[in-house]
Amino acid sequence: MNPRQRWATAKVVFSKLTRAALAPACVPERRPGKAQNDHHQARTSAGRAAAALSDGFDRPLLLTLAMLGTSASMLAQGAGVPLTLQGLNQSTLGDVRGRGMGGAVLAATRSANAVFTNPALLTRIERLEVRIAGTGVATSQRQSQEWTPNRLYAGFSILMEDKWEGIKEPLVRQILPNPITFLAETTWVPPASPYERLQKPYDDIGPNWSRAFTKGSPLTFAAAMPFEFMELTFVAGIGGGEAYDLTHYFQNNNVLDPMIGSFRPSPIPMVATGDTEYVRWYQHTSKRLGSVSTVNPALALKYGSLSVGVTANILFGSSDDYEFRLDRGVLNFINNAFKVDPVRYAVTHLGTSDYSGTSATLGVLWENPRYAVGLTAALPLTITRSFDRTVTIDTALVVTSRRETGEESLKLPLRVGGGVILTPTDRWTVSFDYAMTGFATSEQTAADGTTTSSWVGSENYRMGVEYLAWDFLSVRAGYRQDTQPFSVVGSAIINEPVKSSVATFGLGTEFMGVLIDAAYEYTSLKYQDMWQSNVNYNLTEHHRFMVEVGYRF
């Protein structure tokens, strides 16, 4: 079978599947003089009922009735993805000094914060130390869309982009006799067929959106104390704080179901003469606020230049979850034209989630006066999410609600990391880190028990420097990339993860046992989702400030 035959077969299959799934969702309006559309009214029982009732009820009501029986098709990343385990990829680095150095902490931490980074580094502490830190972040997000003009369906890209400036309604010439003079007169009137009119949305949502918000919260608490036992030097530590920042927000104002813009070779498959393809058009929003906290008891042992340590990771937390779908209309595609029918259909998911998990991290440190090497092994971890939510469906007829509960989980494999610090002079320190995320080999188990491995990922690299400008002031800077568990739609490299860029700056001072560290991070997450029909430009920016105060007794 050649490519042209395969494409023809795919179009037939797509046409049949789409009609079977979406024909109950709308009542095709008969085009004047086109009797071949009549058979669509009686294709299904819903179609026959709609045909019988079409004279007595308005179209939005019929569309709502029919839509209750349809099922959603699979959607691509960035287009109506349900709210499940989002946020569990956003792990928190608990060392403010290390955050100022690009997050390169696996060999660089010199405080009780080693309970969060590499427990073996606790052996650098010579006396009792206590630390507490807080953070604040200002976030801005935006998405803009560009749609490709389509030669078969003129005006479709204008509808999606909501750009109507300078565009007038089409008119057709009509010649009628004057009832008084009986002479033929020419007038211009709107087209009789709705397919030939200018298609506009029934709302003012538009394709693009932006938002900004701020958030402040405690970051970490840590304490550590050295002691000797059987002539060996031990350090015991305890820490607690944020392990995962679950903050999540995403929105797409032009979700199409089915995703007709993802078909090749043309953005929208050409509909056969006499057929009608129905596409649901809606806005989708998902939002999550919350965090997963951790309690980390740790113990480290030093023997010469070698140190080893272990810390337990006891995870718990909660989040407020919100998901909203608002249908904007039903698109009707025929052979060379389309129209939009109004519909009233909205679904809201509102609830909470609780998270739990237990794991451990092993650490090793080999230290010399001018360099040090740190290694960590985070043991396999399963984070369980238990959710309780209310689902509300608002239609033209009735508002219904139901309660849903369930449990999902994320299983992360063994993750290994390594870090190196170099101190070429007494004033300069250079740090490098390598860390596995484990995203690519993780497993996600849904509420129905289905297990998949849909996340993508790669390693993270971090680097930073510290300069002792004066005996009481250290200046720090660094850079890293944080891997996301998804790839862009239309990526040239399959399963290549999206990465955010993080530039950091920090200061530190110590006076009479009091330690103060401050850090600033600028994070930019920028990527483009590319379908055959359109490109969505996504940008998220974070400005994060952190302050930590400690005391050495």
Protein backbone atom coordinates (compact mmCIF):
# COMPACT_ATOMS: atom_id res chain seq x y z
CA MET A 1 0.00 0.00 0.00
CA ASN A 2 1.55 3.29 -1.09
CA PRO A 3 1.46 6.49 1.04
CA ARG A 4 -1.51 7.93 -0.90
CA GLN A 5 -3.54 4.75 -0.30
CA ARG A 6 -2.59 4.68 3.39
CA TRP A 7 -3.73 8.29 3.75
CA ALA A 8 -7.03 7.55 2.01
CA THR A 9 -7.61 4.58 4.34
CA ALA A 10 -6.75 6.70 7.39
CA LYS A 11 -9.25 9.36 6.30
CA VAL A 12 -12.02 6.78 5.99
CA VAL A 13 -11.24 5.31 9.43
CA PHE A 14 -11.03 8.80 10.97
CA SER A 15 -14.33 9.79 9.38
CA LYS A 16 -16.17 6.71 10.67
CA LEU A 17 -14.71 6.88 14.19
CA THR A 18 -15.43 10.59 14.50
CA ARG A 19 -19.03 10.23 13.34
CA ALA A 20 -19.59 7.32 15.71
CA ALA A 21 -18.23 9.23 18.69
CA LEU A 22 -19.51 12.72 17.97
CA ALA A 23 -22.64 12.45 15.84
CA PRO A 24 -24.84 12.46 18.98
CA ALA A 25 -23.19 15.73 19.98
CA CYS A 26 -24.98 17.91 17.44
CA VAL A 27 -27.80 18.08 14.93
CA PRO A 28 -26.50 18.86 11.42
CA GLU A 29 -28.37 21.74 9.85
CA ARG A 30 -29.62 20.93 6.34
CA ARG A 31 -28.00 23.05 3.66
CA PRO A 32 -30.49 24.53 1.13
CA GLY A 33 -30.63 22.36 -1.96
CA LYS A 34 -28.36 19.67 -0.46
CA ALA A 35 -30.58 16.67 0.18
CA GLN A 36 -27.59 14.36 0.62
CA ASN A 37 -27.22 15.59 4.23
CA ASP A 38 -30.63 14.23 5.20
CA HIS A 39 -29.34 10.77 6.04
CA HIS A 40 -27.20 12.14 8.93
CA GLN A 41 -30.35 12.93 10.91
CA ALA A 42 -31.26 9.26 11.15
CA ARG A 43 -27.81 7.67 11.45
CA THR A 44 -28.17 6.96 15.19
CA SER A 45 -31.04 6.81 17.67
CA ALA A 46 -29.86 10.16 19.05
CA GLY A 47 -29.94 11.58 15.54
CA ARG A 48 -33.48 10.32 14.97
CA ALA A 49 -34.60 11.80 18.28
CA ALA A 50 -32.96 15.10 17.40
CA ALA A 51 -34.70 15.12 14.04
CA ALA A 52 -38.04 14.56 15.71
CA LEU A 53 -37.47 17.26 18.31
CA SER A 54 -35.70 19.86 16.21
CA ASP A 55 -38.89 21.78 15.58
CA GLY A 56 -39.76 22.04 19.26
CA PHE A 57 -36.44 22.76 21.02
CA ASP A 58 -33.57 25.16 20.48
CA ARG A 59 -30.24 24.00 19.14
CA PRO A 60 -28.10 24.57 22.31
CA LEU A 61 -30.49 22.32 24.26
CA LEU A 62 -30.24 19.54 21.68
CA LEU A 63 -26.47 19.80 21.62
CA THR A 64 -26.33 19.51 25.39
CA LEU A 65 -28.62 16.47 25.45
CA ALA A 66 -26.54 14.70 22.87
CA MET A 67 -23.18 15.62 24.39
CA LEU A 68 -23.96 13.83 27.67
CA GLY A 69 -23.56 10.52 25.89
CA THR A 70 -20.24 11.15 24.16
CA SER A 71 -16.83 10.08 25.39
CA ALA A 72 -13.66 12.09 25.25
CA SER A 73 -10.91 10.94 22.94
CA MET A 74 -7.26 10.87 23.88
CA LEU A 75 -5.64 14.29 24.00
CA ALA A 76 -2.06 15.35 23.43
CA GLN A 77 0.16 17.00 26.04
CA GLY A 78 -0.80 20.65 26.38
CA ALA A 79 -4.36 20.14 25.15
CA GLY A 80 -6.84 19.26 27.87
CA VAL A 81 -4.61 16.93 29.92
CA PRO A 82 -6.41 15.80 33.13
CA LEU A 83 -5.01 16.85 36.50
CA THR A 84 -3.30 13.77 37.97
CA LEU A 85 0.32 13.71 39.24
CA GLN A 86 1.38 17.18 38.08
CA GLY A 87 3.80 18.88 40.47
CA LEU A 88 5.57 15.76 41.71
CA ASN A 89 8.45 16.53 39.36
CA GLN A 90 9.15 19.84 41.14
CA SER A 91 11.51 18.72 43.90
CA THR A 92 12.93 21.36 46.25
CA LEU A 93 16.62 21.86 47.02
CA GLY A 94 16.89 22.57 50.72
CA ASP A 95 20.22 24.41 50.99
CA VAL A 96 20.00 28.20 50.45
CA ARG A 97 23.80 28.54 50.12
CA GLY A 98 23.78 25.82 47.46
CA ARG A 99 20.79 27.40 45.70
CA GLY A 100 22.89 30.54 45.25
CA MET A 101 25.54 28.33 43.59
CA GLY A 102 23.20 26.96 40.92
CA GLY A 103 21.98 24.11 43.11
CA ALA A 104 25.32 22.27 42.93
CA VAL A 105 25.02 20.87 46.47
CA LEU A 106 26.04 17.19 46.42
CA ALA A 107 29.63 17.97 47.48
CA ALA A 108 29.34 21.64 48.48
CA THR A 109 26.95 21.76 51.47
CA ARG A 110 28.70 22.81 54.68
CA SER A 111 25.77 23.00 57.08
CA ALA A 112 23.02 21.01 58.73
CA ASN A 113 21.18 21.23 55.39
CA ALA A 114 23.19 18.18 54.36
CA VAL A 115 20.23 16.14 55.66
CA PHE A 116 18.45 17.26 52.45
CA THR A 117 21.35 17.02 49.98
CA ASN A 118 24.03 14.45 50.93
CA PRO A 119 23.99 13.08 54.50
CA ALA A 120 27.70 12.27 54.39
CA LEU A 121 28.42 16.02 54.29
CA LEU A 122 27.17 16.32 57.88
CA THR A 123 30.65 15.33 59.06
CA ARG A 124 31.87 18.85 58.21
CA ILE A 125 29.95 20.18 61.22
CA GLU A 126 32.13 20.65 64.30
CA ARG A 127 29.54 21.87 66.80
CA LEU A 128 25.79 22.13 67.31
CA GLU A 129 24.12 24.06 64.51
CA VAL A 130 20.50 25.14 63.90
CA ARG A 131 19.07 26.68 60.70
CA ILE A 132 15.71 27.93 59.45
CA ALA A 133 14.81 29.23 55.98
CA GLY A 134 11.90 30.80 54.13
CA THR A 135 11.13 31.60 50.50
CA GLY A 136 8.96 33.83 48.34
CA VAL A 137 8.27 33.57 44.61
CA ALA A 138 6.66 35.78 41.98
CA THR A 139 5.43 33.82 38.97
CA SER A 140 4.14 34.93 35.58
CA GLN A 141 2.72 32.68 32.87
CA ARG A 142 1.38 33.26 29.40
CA GLN A 143 0.38 31.40 26.27
CA SER A 144 -0.15 32.76 22.78
CA GLN A 145 -1.40 30.85 19.75
CA GLU A 146 -0.81 31.16 16.01
CA TRP A 147 -3.01 29.22 13.59
CA THR A 148 -2.14 28.34 10.00
CA PRO A 149 -4.64 29.50 7.34
CA ASN A 150 -6.39 26.53 5.73
CA ARG A 151 -7.24 26.52 2.04
CA LEU A 152 -10.22 24.17 2.51
CA TYR A 153 -11.78 25.94 5.48
CA ALA A 154 -11.28 29.65 4.99
CA GLY A 155 -11.87 31.58 8.16
CA PHE A 156 -11.05 28.68 10.53
CA SER A 157 -7.71 30.18 11.61
CA ILE A 158 -9.42 33.56 12.08
CA LEU A 159 -12.00 31.91 14.34
CA MET A 160 -9.31 30.22 16.45
CA GLU A 161 -7.23 33.41 16.76
CA ASP A 162 -10.35 35.57 17.24
CA LYS A 163 -9.06 38.24 14.84
CA TRP A 164 -11.90 40.07 13.13
CA GLU A 165 -10.60 43.59 12.61
CA GLY A 166 -11.36 44.79 9.08
CA ILE A 167 -13.29 41.63 8.16
CA LYS A 168 -16.87 42.17 6.99
CA GLU A 169 -19.75 39.75 6.78
CA PRO A 170 -20.01 38.16 3.30
CA LEU A 171 -22.99 39.20 1.15
CA VAL A 172 -24.55 37.60 -1.90
CA ARG A 173 -26.30 39.38 -4.74
CA GLN A 174 -30.03 38.95 -4.98
CA ILE A 175 -32.13 40.15 -7.94
CA LEU A 176 -35.82 40.66 -7.21
CA PRO A 177 -38.61 42.58 -9.06
CA ASN A 178 -39.71 45.86 -7.56
CA PRO A 179 -43.35 45.39 -6.45
CA ILE A 180 -44.25 48.88 -7.72
CA THR A 181 -42.24 49.35 -10.91
CA PHE A 182 -41.88 45.62 -11.68
CA LEU A 183 -38.28 46.32 -12.65
CA ALA A 184 -35.47 44.01 -11.54
CA GLU A 185 -33.47 45.39 -8.63
CA THR A 186 -30.21 44.13 -7.15
CA THR A 187 -29.78 43.85 -3.40
CA TRP A 188 -27.05 42.36 -1.22
CA VAL A 189 -28.14 40.01 1.57
CA PRO A 190 -26.40 37.54 3.94
CA PRO A 191 -25.96 34.02 2.54
CA ALA A 192 -28.84 31.65 3.17
CA SER A 193 -26.53 28.81 4.30
CA PRO A 194 -24.86 29.20 7.73
CA TYR A 195 -21.78 27.46 6.28
CA GLU A 196 -21.22 30.45 3.99
CA ARG A 197 -21.44 33.06 6.74
CA LEU A 198 -18.65 34.48 8.87
CA GLN A 199 -18.11 32.12 11.82
CA LYS A 200 -17.49 33.89 15.15
CA PRO A 201 -17.24 32.56 18.70
CA TYR A 202 -20.16 32.90 21.09
CA ASP A 203 -17.89 34.25 23.87
CA ASP A 204 -15.02 36.68 24.42
CA ILE A 205 -12.47 34.14 25.75
CA GLY A 206 -9.97 34.48 22.89
CA PRO A 207 -6.97 32.22 22.28
CA ASN A 208 -4.31 33.84 24.48
CA TRP A 209 -4.04 34.13 28.24
CA SER A 210 -1.66 35.34 30.93
CA ARG A 211 -1.58 35.34 34.73
CA ALA A 212 0.68 36.36 37.61
CA PHE A 213 0.74 35.43 41.28
CA THR A 214 3.00 35.53 44.33
CA LYS A 215 3.55 32.98 47.07
CA GLY A 216 5.51 32.89 50.32
CA SER A 217 6.15 29.93 52.61
CA PRO A 218 8.62 28.37 55.07
CA LEU A 219 11.35 26.43 53.29
CA THR A 220 13.36 24.26 55.71
CA PHE A 221 14.44 23.68 59.29
CA ALA A 222 17.59 21.74 60.09
CA ALA A 223 19.80 20.95 63.08
CA ALA A 224 22.89 18.79 63.50
CA MET A 225 25.31 17.91 66.30
CA PRO A 226 28.57 15.91 66.31
CA PHE A 227 29.37 13.27 68.93
CA GLU A 228 31.88 10.49 69.49
CA PHE A 229 31.19 6.83 70.05
CA MET A 230 33.81 4.10 70.39
CA GLU A 231 36.49 6.61 69.30
CA LEU A 232 34.61 7.30 66.06
CA THR A 233 33.18 10.68 65.04
CA PHE A 234 29.47 10.72 64.27
CA VAL A 235 27.09 13.54 63.38
CA ALA A 236 23.35 13.26 63.96
CA GLY A 237 20.97 15.53 62.09
CA ILE A 238 17.28 16.22 61.72
CA GLY A 239 15.51 18.32 59.13
CA GLY A 240 12.10 19.14 57.84
CA GLY A 241 10.61 21.28 55.11
CA GLU A 242 9.31 21.36 51.58
CA ALA A 243 10.26 18.37 49.43
CA TYR A 244 8.00 19.09 46.41
CA ASP A 245 6.34 22.33 45.34
CA LEU A 246 3.05 21.15 43.85
CA THR A 247 2.08 24.53 42.38
CA HIS A 248 0.70 23.90 38.90
CA TYR A 249 -1.34 25.89 36.41
CA PHE A 250 -2.09 25.30 32.74
CA GLN A 251 -4.73 26.56 30.35
CA ASN A 252 -5.64 26.07 26.71
CA ASN A 253 -8.52 28.07 25.27
CA ASN A 254 -8.71 26.18 21.97
CA VAL A 255 -8.84 22.47 22.71
CA LEU A 256 -10.30 20.42 19.86
CA ASP A 257 -11.67 16.93 20.38
CA PRO A 258 -10.73 15.03 18.31
CA MET A 259 -7.39 16.77 17.80
CA ILE A 260 -7.85 17.27 14.08
CA GLY A 261 -4.83 19.55 13.91
CA SER A 262 -2.49 16.62 14.55
CA PHE A 263 -3.30 14.72 11.36
CA ARG A 264 -0.95 14.58 8.40
CA PRO A 265 -0.37 15.54 5.65
CA SER A 266 -2.97 18.32 6.00
CA PRO A 267 -3.88 20.02 9.30
CA ILE A 268 -7.57 19.17 8.86
CA PRO A 269 -8.52 16.04 6.86
CA MET A 270 -10.72 16.78 3.89
CA VAL A 271 -14.28 15.61 4.56
CA ALA A 272 -15.92 13.51 1.86
CA THR A 273 -18.85 14.98 -0.01
CA GLY A 274 -22.06 14.28 1.89
CA ASP A 275 -20.28 13.68 5.22
CA THR A 276 -20.05 15.92 8.25
CA GLU A 277 -17.30 15.76 10.88
CA TYR A 278 -18.13 17.07 14.36
CA VAL A 279 -15.42 18.53 16.59
CA ARG A 280 -15.94 19.70 20.15
CA TRP A 281 -14.24 23.02 20.91
CA TYR A 282 -13.60 23.95 24.53
CA GLN A 283 -11.43 25.75 27.08
CA HIS A 284 -9.56 23.65 29.63
CA THR A 285 -7.95 24.87 32.86
CA SER A 286 -6.12 22.90 35.55
CA LYS A 287 -4.75 24.30 38.81
CA ARG A 288 -3.07 22.88 41.90
CA LEU A 289 -1.82 24.59 45.08
CA GLY A 290 0.04 22.73 47.80
CA SER A 291 3.27 21.01 48.73
CA VAL A 292 4.75 17.75 49.94
CA SER A 293 6.80 18.09 53.11
CA THR A 294 9.55 15.86 54.43
CA VAL A 295 11.06 14.86 57.75
CA ASN A 296 14.69 13.75 57.44
CA PRO A 297 16.49 12.10 60.37
CA ALA A 298 20.12 11.47 59.41
CA LEU A 299 23.34 9.99 60.71
CA ALA A 300 26.89 10.34 59.33
CA LEU A 301 30.24 8.76 60.19
CA LYS A 302 33.72 10.07 59.38
CA TYR A 303 36.82 7.91 59.10
CA GLY A 304 39.86 9.77 57.86
CA SER A 305 39.11 11.42 54.52
CA LEU A 306 36.05 9.23 53.97
CA SER A 307 32.57 9.99 55.25
CA VAL A 308 29.36 8.00 54.85
CA GLY A 309 25.83 8.90 55.80
CA VAL A 310 22.20 7.91 55.55
CA THR A 311 18.98 9.90 55.83
CA ALA A 312 15.37 8.78 55.88
CA ASN A 313 12.80 10.62 53.80
CA ILE A 314 9.32 10.61 55.33
CA LEU A 315 6.96 12.41 52.95
CA PHE A 316 3.50 13.82 53.59
CA GLY A 317 1.46 16.68 52.19
CA SER A 318 -1.74 17.91 50.59
CA SER A 319 -3.01 20.09 47.76
CA ASP A 320 -6.14 21.88 46.60
CA ASP A 321 -7.08 20.78 43.09
CA TYR A 322 -9.21 22.52 40.48
CA GLU A 323 -10.03 21.49 36.92
CA PHE A 324 -12.50 23.22 34.63
CA ARG A 325 -13.81 22.58 31.15
CA LEU A 326 -16.04 25.06 29.31
CA ASP A 327 -17.34 24.07 25.90
CA ARG A 328 -17.27 26.96 23.43
CA GLY A 329 -19.13 25.28 20.59
CA VAL A 330 -19.37 22.36 18.19
CA LEU A 331 -17.57 22.68 14.86
CA ASN A 332 -19.32 21.14 11.84
CA PHE A 333 -16.98 20.38 8.93
CA ILE A 334 -18.32 19.44 5.50
CA ASN A 335 -16.48 19.04 2.22
CA ASN A 336 -15.25 22.62 1.84
CA ALA A 337 -16.88 24.69 4.59
CA PHE A 338 -17.59 24.70 8.32
CA LYS A 339 -19.84 26.33 10.88
CA VAL A 340 -20.05 26.68 14.67
CA ASP A 341 -23.07 25.62 16.71
CA PRO A 342 -23.52 26.93 20.26
CA VAL A 343 -23.57 24.55 23.21
CA ARG A 344 -23.89 24.81 26.97
CA TYR A 345 -21.68 22.29 28.71
CA ALA A 346 -19.27 22.85 31.62
CA VAL A 347 -17.50 20.38 33.91
CA THR A 348 -15.79 21.33 37.19
CA HIS A 349 -13.55 19.07 39.29
CA LEU A 350 -12.98 20.55 42.75
CA GLY A 351 -11.27 18.68 45.58
CA THR A 352 -8.18 17.88 47.61
CA SER A 353 -5.34 15.40 47.46
CA ASP A 354 -3.19 13.83 50.18
CA TYR A 355 0.32 12.56 49.50
CA SER A 356 2.57 10.08 51.31
CA GLY A 357 5.77 8.14 50.75
CA THR A 358 8.89 6.81 52.45
CA SER A 359 12.42 6.35 51.16
CA ALA A 360 16.06 6.85 52.11
CA THR A 361 19.21 8.42 50.68
CA LEU A 362 22.74 7.09 51.05
CA GLY A 363 25.74 9.42 50.80
CA VAL A 364 29.51 9.23 50.48
CA LEU A 365 32.11 11.99 50.73
CA TRP A 366 35.81 11.85 49.94
CA GLU A 367 37.46 15.10 51.00
CA ASN A 368 40.92 16.60 50.57
CA PRO A 369 42.15 20.14 51.25
CA ARG A 370 41.70 21.30 47.63
CA TYR A 371 38.91 19.10 46.33
CA ALA A 372 36.07 16.86 47.44
CA VAL A 373 33.84 14.30 45.75
CA GLY A 374 30.32 13.48 46.91
CA LEU A 375 28.06 10.65 45.78
CA THR A 376 24.40 9.96 46.61
CA ALA A 377 21.97 7.15 45.94
CA ALA A 378 18.29 7.90 46.44
CA LEU A 379 16.51 4.57 46.94
CA PRO A 380 13.35 3.75 44.97
CA LEU A 381 10.41 5.87 46.07
CA THR A 382 6.66 5.49 45.65
CA ILE A 383 4.55 8.60 46.27
CA THR A 384 0.85 7.90 46.71
CA ARG A 385 -1.82 10.48 45.92
CA SER A 386 -5.27 9.96 47.46
CA PHE A 387 -7.88 12.30 46.04
CA ASP A 388 -11.41 13.29 47.03
CA ARG A 389 -13.24 15.60 44.64
CA THR A 390 -16.67 16.74 43.53
CA VAL A 391 -17.49 16.66 39.82
CA THR A 392 -20.17 19.13 38.72
CA ILE A 393 -21.70 19.03 35.22
CA ASP A 394 -23.66 22.07 34.09
CA THR A 395 -25.86 21.70 31.02
CA ALA A 396 -28.79 23.56 29.54
CA LEU A 397 -31.16 21.17 31.28
CA VAL A 398 -29.76 20.40 34.71
CA VAL A 399 -26.77 20.71 37.03
CA THR A 400 -25.59 17.37 38.43
CA SER A 401 -22.86 16.54 40.95
CA ARG A 402 -21.10 13.40 42.04
CA ARG A 403 -18.26 12.54 44.39
CA GLU A 404 -15.15 10.76 43.21
CA THR A 405 -12.41 9.22 45.35
CA GLY A 406 -9.39 7.24 44.34
CA GLU A 407 -5.69 6.66 44.61
CA GLU A 408 -2.84 7.19 42.17
CA SER A 409 0.89 6.68 42.58
CA LEU A 410 4.25 7.64 41.12
CA LYS A 411 7.10 5.14 41.41
CA LEU A 412 10.60 6.56 40.98
CA PRO A 413 13.55 4.18 40.50
CA LEU A 414 17.00 4.34 42.11
CA ARG A 415 18.51 7.74 41.38
CA VAL A 416 22.26 8.31 41.54
CA GLY A 417 24.00 11.67 41.77
CA GLY A 418 27.52 12.98 42.05
CA GLY A 419 29.22 16.25 42.83
CA VAL A 420 32.73 17.72 42.81
CA ILE A 421 34.06 20.87 44.45
CA LEU A 422 37.40 22.47 43.72
CA THR A 423 39.08 25.09 45.91
CA PRO A 424 42.05 26.34 43.84
CA THR A 425 42.61 29.19 46.34
CA ASP A 426 41.39 29.99 49.82
CA ARG A 427 38.86 32.45 48.36
CA TRP A 428 37.45 30.52 45.41
CA THR A 429 35.20 27.45 45.39
CA VAL A 430 33.86 25.86 42.21
CA SER A 431 31.13 23.21 42.34
CA PHE A 432 29.70 20.78 39.75
CA ASP A 433 26.77 18.34 40.09
CA TYR A 434 25.28 15.51 38.08
CA ALA A 435 21.90 14.08 39.16
CA MET A 436 19.54 11.49 37.68
CA THR A 437 15.86 12.41 37.72
CA GLY A 438 14.51 8.92 37.11
CA PHE A 439 11.58 10.37 35.14
CA ALA A 440 12.14 8.28 32.00
CA THR A 441 11.94 4.96 33.88
CA SER A 442 9.28 5.99 36.40
CA GLU A 443 5.86 4.36 36.56
CA GLN A 444 2.53 6.10 36.99
CA THR A 445 -0.42 4.08 38.27
CA ALA A 446 -3.87 5.56 37.64
CA ALA A 447 -6.95 5.26 39.86
CA ASP A 448 -8.25 2.34 37.75
CA GLY A 449 -5.04 0.38 38.35
CA THR A 450 -3.55 0.99 34.92
CA THR A 451 0.24 1.42 35.04
CA THR A 452 2.06 3.41 32.38
CA SER A 453 5.48 4.96 31.88
CA SER A 454 4.50 8.16 30.10
CA TRP A 455 7.04 10.54 31.68
CA VAL A 456 10.19 11.45 29.82
CA GLY A 457 13.41 12.76 31.32
CA SER A 458 17.16 13.06 31.39
CA GLU A 459 19.92 14.00 33.80
CA ASN A 460 20.34 17.38 35.45
CA TYR A 461 23.64 19.27 35.46
CA ARG A 462 24.35 22.07 37.90
CA MET A 463 27.34 24.34 38.44
CA GLY A 464 28.23 27.25 40.69
CA VAL A 465 31.01 29.34 42.20
CA GLU A 466 31.61 31.04 45.53
CA TYR A 467 34.04 33.89 46.14
CA LEU A 468 35.06 35.07 49.60
CA ALA A 469 35.10 38.80 48.88
CA TRP A 470 35.85 39.73 52.48
CA ASP A 471 36.32 37.64 55.58
CA PHE A 472 32.68 38.29 56.50
CA LEU A 473 31.01 38.17 53.05
CA SER A 474 30.75 35.46 50.39
CA VAL A 475 29.38 36.09 46.87
CA ARG A 476 27.88 33.23 44.87
CA ALA A 477 26.49 32.56 41.40
CA GLY A 478 25.46 29.55 39.36
CA TYR A 479 23.39 27.98 36.63
CA ARG A 480 21.41 24.79 36.11
CA GLN A 481 18.71 23.24 33.97
CA ASP A 482 15.70 21.47 35.49
CA THR A 483 14.25 18.63 33.43
CA GLN A 484 10.48 18.46 32.95
CA PRO A 485 8.67 15.10 32.61
CA PHE A 486 7.09 15.95 29.24
CA SER A 487 8.21 16.73 25.72
CA VAL A 488 6.75 19.29 23.36
CA VAL A 489 4.09 18.34 20.85
CA GLY A 490 5.68 18.05 17.42
CA SER A 491 9.22 17.73 18.79
CA ALA A 492 11.79 16.86 16.13
CA ILE A 493 13.43 14.48 18.63
CA ILE A 494 10.96 11.97 20.07
CA ASN A 495 10.71 12.04 23.89
CA GLU A 496 13.18 14.88 24.25
CA PRO A 497 12.22 16.49 27.58
CA VAL A 498 11.55 20.17 28.04
CA LYS A 499 14.09 21.89 30.31
CA SER A 500 13.88 25.11 32.26
CA SER A 501 16.89 27.40 32.66
CA VAL A 502 17.78 28.66 36.14
CA ALA A 503 20.30 31.45 36.82
CA THR A 504 21.18 32.07 40.47
CA PHE A 505 22.91 34.59 42.71
CA GLY A 506 23.62 34.50 46.42
CA LEU A 507 25.29 36.15 49.41
CA GLY A 508 26.42 34.78 52.74
CA THR A 509 27.81 36.23 55.95
CA GLU A 510 28.81 35.03 59.42
CA PHE A 511 29.20 37.12 62.58
CA MET A 512 29.63 35.87 66.14
CA GLY A 513 28.13 32.48 65.36
CA VAL A 514 25.16 33.91 63.44
CA LEU A 515 24.95 32.75 59.81
CA ILE A 516 22.83 34.47 57.18
CA ASP A 517 22.48 33.21 53.62
CA ALA A 518 20.36 34.72 50.85
CA ALA A 519 19.75 33.54 47.30
CA TYR A 520 17.87 34.63 44.20
CA GLU A 521 16.80 32.40 41.30
CA TYR A 522 15.45 33.39 37.91
CA THR A 523 13.73 30.47 36.19
CA SER A 524 12.53 30.49 32.59
CA LEU A 525 10.49 27.63 31.13
CA LYS A 526 9.91 28.29 27.44
CA TYR A 527 8.65 25.86 24.83
CA GLN A 528 6.38 25.56 21.81
CA ASP A 529 3.69 22.94 21.19
CA MET A 530 3.43 22.45 17.43
CA TRP A 531 0.54 20.79 15.65
CA GLN A 532 -0.09 20.77 11.92
CA SER A 533 -2.74 23.44 12.42
CA ASN A 534 -1.20 25.75 15.02
CA VAL A 535 1.66 26.61 17.36
CA ASN A 536 1.19 27.38 21.07
CA TYR A 537 3.95 29.51 22.62
CA ASN A 538 4.29 28.84 26.37
CA LEU A 539 6.37 30.86 28.82
CA THR A 540 6.63 30.57 32.61
CA GLU A 541 8.97 32.78 34.65
CA HIS A 542 9.78 32.58 38.36
CA HIS A 543 11.59 35.15 40.49
CA ARG A 544 12.39 33.34 43.74
CA PHE A 545 14.01 34.81 46.85
CA MET A 546 15.29 32.75 49.79
CA VAL A 547 16.72 33.71 53.18
CA GLU A 548 18.23 31.38 55.76
CA VAL A 549 19.34 32.19 59.30
CA GLY A 550 21.46 29.86 61.38
CA TYR A 551 23.44 29.75 64.62
CA ARG A 552 26.49 27.72 65.61
CA PHE A 553 26.77 27.19 69.34
